[in-house]
């Protein structure tokens, strides 16, 4: 039977430790925790999310920044909103390029199908459905021909040939 390396065997108080005497100041083999101490809970660090700003918010902040006249007002607005000066710089550039006006209608993610693609898919489905119906009709005509042949009923061959072609 093996002994676990984390188990500390207490020595009787009457005996002195081997090696000559005084107490040693080494940490306990259990990692510094005493046997009765509770284990601290494991903490998982919170992973923050990147902030997103709407076009309306950006325009409002830029208007507030443009209205600042006294020294220190711009910094006060940025601190109040929790923004960096680089935000204001980038937003001014976007406003200059006209991106903020168009930003409100832009959606993130995969772009939808164009009207032509949707119509093409709809027509493809419709063609497949019509072909299935046509195959069913041809099958019924073949059955009618066989039944007429079995029963000896004469059919107008010209009419059936026109349908087949």
C-alpha atoms as a PDB file:
ATOM      1  CA  UNK A   1       0.000   0.000   0.000  1.00  0.00           C
ATOM      2  CA  UNK A   2       1.344   3.387  -0.985  1.00  0.00           C
ATOM      3  CA  UNK A   3       1.189   6.505   1.119  1.00  0.00           C
ATOM      4  CA  UNK A   4      -0.115   9.684  -0.393  1.00  0.00           C
ATOM      5  CA  UNK A   5       2.549  12.422  -0.485  1.00  0.00           C
ATOM      6  CA  UNK A   6       0.053  14.963   0.882  1.00  0.00           C
ATOM      7  CA  UNK A   7      -0.588  13.113   4.127  1.00  0.00           C
ATOM      8  CA  UNK A   8       1.332  14.427   7.140  1.00  0.00           C
ATOM      9  CA  UNK A   9       1.781  11.988   9.948  1.00  0.00           C
ATOM     10  CA  UNK A  10       1.651  13.739  13.338  1.00  0.00           C
ATOM     11  CA  UNK A  11       4.504  13.001  15.698  1.00  0.00           C
ATOM     12  CA  UNK A  12       3.781  12.214  19.312  1.00  0.00           C
ATOM     13  CA  UNK A  13       4.461  15.189  21.601  1.00  0.00           C
ATOM     14  CA  UNK A  14       6.867  13.253  23.836  1.00  0.00           C
ATOM     15  CA  UNK A  15       9.370  12.646  21.058  1.00  0.00           C
ATOM     16  CA  UNK A  16      11.585  15.265  19.546  1.00  0.00           C
ATOM     17  CA  UNK A  17      11.832  15.451  15.768  1.00  0.00           C
ATOM     18  CA  UNK A  18      14.807  13.715  14.215  1.00  0.00           C
ATOM     19  CA  UNK A  19      17.702  15.876  13.190  1.00  0.00           C
ATOM     20  CA  UNK A  20      18.372  17.620  16.395  1.00  0.00           C
ATOM     21  CA  UNK A  21      15.744  19.689  17.736  1.00  0.00           C
ATOM     22  CA  UNK A  22      13.996  22.990  16.834  1.00  0.00           C
ATOM     23  CA  UNK A  23      10.919  23.465  14.814  1.00  0.00           C
ATOM     24  CA  UNK A  24      11.200  23.952  11.089  1.00  0.00           C
ATOM     25  CA  UNK A  25       9.535  26.803   9.251  1.00  0.00           C
ATOM     26  CA  UNK A  26       8.777  24.969   6.017  1.00  0.00           C
ATOM     27  CA  UNK A  27       5.284  25.054   4.557  1.00  0.00           C
ATOM     28  CA  UNK A  28       3.100  22.068   5.058  1.00  0.00           C
ATOM     29  CA  UNK A  29       3.003  19.597   2.186  1.00  0.00           C
ATOM     30  CA  UNK A  30      -0.703  20.354   1.647  1.00  0.00           C
ATOM     31  CA  UNK A  31       0.154  23.619  -0.072  1.00  0.00           C
ATOM     32  CA  UNK A  32      -0.086  25.851   2.943  1.00  0.00           C
ATOM     33  CA  UNK A  33      -3.686  25.038   3.835  1.00  0.00           C
ATOM     34  CA  UNK A  34      -4.421  23.485   7.137  1.00  0.00           C
ATOM     35  CA  UNK A  35      -6.524  20.348   7.190  1.00  0.00           C
ATOM     36  CA  UNK A  36      -9.625  22.085   8.565  1.00  0.00           C
ATOM     37  CA  UNK A  37      -9.530  25.251   6.450  1.00  0.00           C
ATOM     38  CA  UNK A  38     -12.256  25.618   3.816  1.00  0.00           C
ATOM     39  CA  UNK A  39     -11.187  25.618   0.188  1.00  0.00           C
ATOM     40  CA  UNK A  40     -11.743  29.026  -1.450  1.00  0.00           C
ATOM     41  CA  UNK A  41     -14.216  29.007  -4.342  1.00  0.00           C
ATOM     42  CA  UNK A  42     -12.793  28.890  -7.814  1.00  0.00           C
ATOM     43  CA  UNK A  43     -13.323  32.135  -9.652  1.00  0.00           C
ATOM     44  CA  UNK A  44     -13.703  32.422 -13.399  1.00  0.00           C
ATOM     45  CA  UNK A  45     -12.700  35.757 -14.825  1.00  0.00           C
ATOM     46  CA  UNK A  46     -15.535  37.611 -16.535  1.00  0.00           C
ATOM     47  CA  UNK A  47     -14.897  38.155 -20.205  1.00  0.00           C
ATOM     48  CA  UNK A  48     -16.128  41.596 -21.152  1.00  0.00           C
ATOM     49  CA  UNK A  49     -18.071  42.403 -24.260  1.00  0.00           C
ATOM     50  CA  UNK A  50     -17.105  45.073 -26.707  1.00  0.00           C
ATOM     51  CA  UNK A  51     -19.344  48.107 -26.479  1.00  0.00           C
ATOM     52  CA  UNK A  52     -21.442  49.055 -29.463  1.00  0.00           C
ATOM     53  CA  UNK A  53     -22.807  52.508 -30.124  1.00  0.00           C
ATOM     54  CA  UNK A  54     -25.788  53.401 -32.269  1.00  0.00           C
ATOM     55  CA  UNK A  55     -25.531  56.027 -34.970  1.00  0.00           C
ATOM     56  CA  UNK A  56     -28.001  58.204 -33.051  1.00  0.00           C
ATOM     57  CA  UNK A  57     -25.824  58.068 -29.899  1.00  0.00           C
ATOM     58  CA  UNK A  58     -22.695  58.907 -31.879  1.00  0.00           C
ATOM     59  CA  UNK A  59     -24.370  61.934 -33.450  1.00  0.00           C
ATOM     60  CA  UNK A  60     -25.641  63.143 -30.066  1.00  0.00           C
ATOM     61  CA  UNK A  61     -22.171  62.898 -28.520  1.00  0.00           C
ATOM     62  CA  UNK A  62     -20.603  64.681 -31.503  1.00  0.00           C
ATOM     63  CA  UNK A  63     -23.161  67.483 -31.202  1.00  0.00           C
ATOM     64  CA  UNK A  64     -22.346  67.812 -27.497  1.00  0.00           C
ATOM     65  CA  UNK A  65     -18.614  67.887 -28.299  1.00  0.00           C
ATOM     66  CA  UNK A  66     -19.118  70.482 -31.027  1.00  0.00           C
ATOM     67  CA  UNK A  67     -21.024  72.691 -28.562  1.00  0.00           C
ATOM     68  CA  UNK A  68     -18.084  72.780 -26.137  1.00  0.00           C
ATOM     69  CA  UNK A  69     -16.336  76.180 -26.043  1.00  0.00           C
ATOM     70  CA  UNK A  70     -14.489  76.456 -22.737  1.00  0.00           C
ATOM     71  CA  UNK A  71     -11.225  74.627 -22.050  1.00  0.00           C
ATOM     72  CA  UNK A  72     -11.812  71.262 -20.390  1.00  0.00           C
ATOM     73  CA  UNK A  73     -15.413  70.853 -21.510  1.00  0.00           C
ATOM     74  CA  UNK A  74     -14.547  68.258 -24.155  1.00  0.00           C
ATOM     75  CA  UNK A  75     -12.722  66.154 -21.576  1.00  0.00           C
ATOM     76  CA  UNK A  76     -15.663  66.495 -19.178  1.00  0.00           C
ATOM     77  CA  UNK A  77     -18.108  65.240 -21.832  1.00  0.00           C
ATOM     78  CA  UNK A  78     -15.842  62.307 -22.699  1.00  0.00           C
ATOM     79  CA  UNK A  79     -15.434  61.360 -19.029  1.00  0.00           C
ATOM     80  CA  UNK A  80     -19.169  61.662 -18.390  1.00  0.00           C
ATOM     81  CA  UNK A  81     -19.919  59.338 -21.321  1.00  0.00           C
ATOM     82  CA  UNK A  82     -17.012  56.984 -20.578  1.00  0.00           C
ATOM     83  CA  UNK A  83     -15.427  57.495 -23.990  1.00  0.00           C
ATOM     84  CA  UNK A  84     -11.931  58.015 -25.329  1.00  0.00           C
ATOM     85  CA  UNK A  85     -10.837  60.837 -27.569  1.00  0.00           C
ATOM     86  CA  UNK A  86     -10.145  58.251 -30.283  1.00  0.00           C
ATOM     87  CA  UNK A  87     -13.878  57.480 -30.326  1.00  0.00           C
ATOM     88  CA  UNK A  88     -14.653  61.106 -31.104  1.00  0.00           C
ATOM     89  CA  UNK A  89     -11.956  61.247 -33.774  1.00  0.00           C
ATOM     90  CA  UNK A  90     -13.215  58.114 -35.526  1.00  0.00           C
ATOM     91  CA  UNK A  91     -16.845  59.248 -35.287  1.00  0.00           C
ATOM     92  CA  UNK A  92     -16.011  62.660 -36.756  1.00  0.00           C
ATOM     93  CA  UNK A  93     -14.302  60.913 -39.665  1.00  0.00           C
ATOM     94  CA  UNK A  94     -17.374  58.696 -40.172  1.00  0.00           C
ATOM     95  CA  UNK A  95     -19.634  61.737 -40.068  1.00  0.00           C
ATOM     96  CA  UNK A  96     -17.431  63.489 -42.621  1.00  0.00           C
ATOM     97  CA  UNK A  97     -17.635  60.472 -44.949  1.00  0.00           C
ATOM     98  CA  UNK A  98     -21.401  60.239 -44.451  1.00  0.00           C
ATOM     99  CA  UNK A  99     -21.189  56.791 -42.900  1.00  0.00           C
ATOM    100  CA  UNK A 100     -23.242  57.690 -39.831  1.00  0.00           C
ATOM    101  CA  UNK A 101     -26.286  58.619 -41.907  1.00  0.00           C
ATOM    102  CA  UNK A 102     -26.218  55.265 -43.680  1.00  0.00           C
ATOM    103  CA  UNK A 103     -25.169  53.293 -40.601  1.00  0.00           C
ATOM    104  CA  UNK A 104     -28.659  53.104 -39.120  1.00  0.00           C
ATOM    105  CA  UNK A 105     -29.948  51.015 -42.042  1.00  0.00           C
ATOM    106  CA  UNK A 106     -26.976  48.661 -42.271  1.00  0.00           C
ATOM    107  CA  UNK A 107     -27.460  45.266 -40.690  1.00  0.00           C
ATOM    108  CA  UNK A 108     -24.613  43.076 -39.585  1.00  0.00           C
ATOM    109  CA  UNK A 109     -24.267  39.461 -40.595  1.00  0.00           C
ATOM    110  CA  UNK A 110     -25.035  37.494 -43.705  1.00  0.00           C
ATOM    111  CA  UNK A 111     -26.679  39.469 -46.474  1.00  0.00           C
ATOM    112  CA  UNK A 112     -30.087  38.369 -47.691  1.00  0.00           C
ATOM    113  CA  UNK A 113     -30.745  36.975 -51.132  1.00  0.00           C
ATOM    114  CA  UNK A 114     -31.457  39.400 -53.924  1.00  0.00           C
ATOM    115  CA  UNK A 115     -34.874  39.600 -55.565  1.00  0.00           C
ATOM    116  CA  UNK A 116     -33.528  37.819 -58.646  1.00  0.00           C
ATOM    117  CA  UNK A 117     -32.198  34.919 -56.576  1.00  0.00           C
ATOM    118  CA  UNK A 118     -35.493  34.550 -54.711  1.00  0.00           C
ATOM    119  CA  UNK A 119     -37.457  34.612 -57.976  1.00  0.00           C
ATOM    120  CA  UNK A 120     -35.069  32.089 -59.528  1.00  0.00           C
ATOM    121  CA  UNK A 121     -35.534  29.697 -56.598  1.00  0.00           C
ATOM    122  CA  UNK A 122     -39.315  30.110 -56.748  1.00  0.00           C
ATOM    123  CA  UNK A 123     -39.375  29.370 -60.496  1.00  0.00           C
ATOM    124  CA  UNK A 124     -37.098  26.357 -60.040  1.00  0.00           C
ATOM    125  CA  UNK A 125     -39.481  24.915 -57.442  1.00  0.00           C
ATOM    126  CA  UNK A 126     -42.446  25.607 -59.701  1.00  0.00           C
ATOM    127  CA  UNK A 127     -40.763  23.834 -62.651  1.00  0.00           C
ATOM    128  CA  UNK A 128     -39.980  20.800 -60.464  1.00  0.00           C
ATOM    129  CA  UNK A 129     -43.611  20.654 -59.307  1.00  0.00           C
ATOM    130  CA  UNK A 130     -44.947  20.896 -62.865  1.00  0.00           C
ATOM    131  CA  UNK A 131     -42.562  18.177 -64.087  1.00  0.00           C
ATOM    132  CA  UNK A 132     -43.799  15.887 -61.325  1.00  0.00           C
ATOM    133  CA  UNK A 133     -47.414  16.529 -62.383  1.00  0.00           C
ATOM    134  CA  UNK A 134     -46.512  15.947 -66.035  1.00  0.00           C
ATOM    135  CA  UNK A 135     -44.865  12.609 -65.194  1.00  0.00           C
ATOM    136  CA  UNK A 136     -48.044  11.588 -63.365  1.00  0.00           C
ATOM    137  CA  UNK A 137     -50.201  12.535 -66.380  1.00  0.00           C
ATOM    138  CA  UNK A 138     -47.960  10.568 -68.763  1.00  0.00           C
ATOM    139  CA  UNK A 139     -48.163   7.587 -66.436  1.00  0.00           C
ATOM    140  CA  UNK A 140     -51.969   7.761 -66.435  1.00  0.00           C
ATOM    141  CA  UNK A 141     -52.015   7.974 -70.244  1.00  0.00           C
ATOM    142  CA  UNK A 142     -49.823   4.879 -70.485  1.00  0.00           C
ATOM    143  CA  UNK A 143     -52.206   3.038 -68.167  1.00  0.00           C
ATOM    144  CA  UNK A 144     -55.173   4.120 -70.301  1.00  0.00           C
ATOM    145  CA  UNK A 145     -53.428   2.849 -73.458  1.00  0.00           C
ATOM    146  CA  UNK A 146     -52.738  -0.541 -71.844  1.00  0.00           C
ATOM    147  CA  UNK A 147     -56.305  -0.882 -70.548  1.00  0.00           C
ATOM    148  CA  UNK A 148     -57.680   0.027 -73.987  1.00  0.00           C
ATOM    149  CA  UNK A 149     -55.426  -2.568 -75.605  1.00  0.00           C
ATOM    150  CA  UNK A 150     -56.501  -5.254 -73.084  1.00  0.00           C
ATOM    151  CA  UNK A 151     -60.195  -4.471 -73.500  1.00  0.00           C
ATOM    152  CA  UNK A 152     -59.904  -4.084 -77.267  1.00  0.00           C
ATOM    153  CA  UNK A 153     -61.204  -0.551 -77.321  1.00  0.00           C
ATOM    154  CA  UNK A 154     -59.910   1.270 -80.399  1.00  0.00           C
ATOM    155  CA  UNK A 155     -58.234   4.562 -79.666  1.00  0.00           C
ATOM    156  CA  UNK A 156     -57.613   7.381 -82.058  1.00  0.00           C
ATOM    157  CA  UNK A 157     -53.870   6.897 -82.619  1.00  0.00           C
ATOM    158  CA  UNK A 158     -53.411  10.374 -84.064  1.00  0.00           C
ATOM    159  CA  UNK A 159     -54.780  12.046 -80.895  1.00  0.00           C
ATOM    160  CA  UNK A 160     -52.463  10.072 -78.621  1.00  0.00           C
ATOM    161  CA  UNK A 161     -49.443  10.749 -80.835  1.00  0.00           C
ATOM    162  CA  UNK A 162     -50.106  14.466 -80.617  1.00  0.00           C
ATOM    163  CA  UNK A 163     -50.103  14.262 -76.823  1.00  0.00           C
ATOM    164  CA  UNK A 164     -46.855  12.243 -76.711  1.00  0.00           C
ATOM    165  CA  UNK A 165     -44.939  14.706 -78.833  1.00  0.00           C
END
